[in-house]
Amino acid sequence: MTPTRRPAARGLHWAAAALAPLLLLLGAASGCLTNGAGVSARSGRLYAQRLQTRLNGILAANGADHAGVLVVDAADQQVLYAHNADQRYIPASVSKLFTAAAALYTLGPSYRFATEMLGVRGTGDDPRQLRSLVLRGSGDPSLRDGHLRDLALSLQARGVRFIAGDLLVDDGAFGGASWGPGWTWDDLSKGYGSPVSGLNVMHNAITLELRPGAASGTPATLQVIPDSAYVQVNHAVITGSTLGPPRVRLQLPRQDAVGLEPGDTLQLCGVVPADPNGGWSRALAVRDGALFAGQLLREQLQAVGIEVAGVVRRAATPPEAVRLGLHLSADLGVLLSSYMKASDNLGMECILKRMGAQRSGQPGTFANGAAAVRQFLT
């Protein structure tokens, strides 16, 4: 699995970086380290000596006290290498290495997530009008509000000006729980604890950024990203007279810590220092990524002159719907480069579920995603 808890400690970030060459070594070892007769020396003394030398070098270069390593031959369970093997560690982001390797094998480095916009027309309807509009995801964790604007513009270019019914969001690409097994409940309101959906946008989070005003005592400047009516923010934060850490209090609408919902109101008060390079920011998870995406698309449609008469709601794509717009993500190899560097929880969990869907032919879940990783490892 891909544990997604609080941001990993420095030692855990080291472990992910240090284990990358270690995993590459182990993956190549069986094919490269052979004895003189050309027979694999996996269980031989020469192999064990070479493995020990290589791993000792990697650990020594990165601080061996911060890592535990156990290498076992899958064929006969022989222990080939052990270092701090009996100590307990929090796997955290190190597990993402296995998810990434399995994804490159299962999906391929050029795999791209698809987000579709589909329309349903009635018989004899005005070509400027649709009966309903559908936004259907495949679990793309990189979708942004700018991509939704591009979809809205593509619909405008087709001459559509009115959606007579509802705007449907189809997140059926993924099933099961929205939060991973073992996630900490008090992280679920934070941006790095945002839910995993078959339809995600803006990392399923709303970011608040405060910057100092022009002078001491003036109101601080607030920016809400994305700029949406999904939530309301009231703030009474002022610019301080001296430098120092920001002192900002954020009041959430509920104490259950499961993310923001449409219509929520947030309260901000406090002081940010008079430092042009300073400020304060927080990323807050939304409760439902698919409905959030639908709301943002509705606002983008309105911005380009397309009215939606109905509501945003979750539904399966009607069989008569036809594709009117498509957004493709960057290649998986590019996404992984970013997500591994930042230890991105949402990104890696979406990739895990996408693997599960690919392997099982069913909506992606944490369970069938983990099964895909285990299949790769064995």
Foldseek 3Di string as FASTA:
>chain_A
DADQEPPDDPLLLLVLVLCPVVVVCVVCLQVPDPDPVRHGCCVPPVSLVVNVVVVVVSCVVRPVVSDWDWDADPPPRHTSDTDCPPDDDDNHLSVLVLLLVLLCVQQNQQDKWKWFKWFADDVPDDQQETQEIEIETLQDQEAELVVLLVLLVLNVVSNHFEHNEEYAYEQQLADDFQFDPPYDQQCQFFLLNAGGTRAAYPSQKKKWWWFADPAFFAATDIDIPPPAQQEAEAEAEHEHHADDAWDKDKDWPDDSRNAAGGHTYIYMYGYHYPDRPTIDMGITHHNDRRLVVSRSSQVSNVVSNHHYPYYYYYDHDDPNIDTSDMDIGGGNNVLCVVCSSSVRNNNSVSSLQSSLCSVPVGRGDNVSSVVSSVVVVD
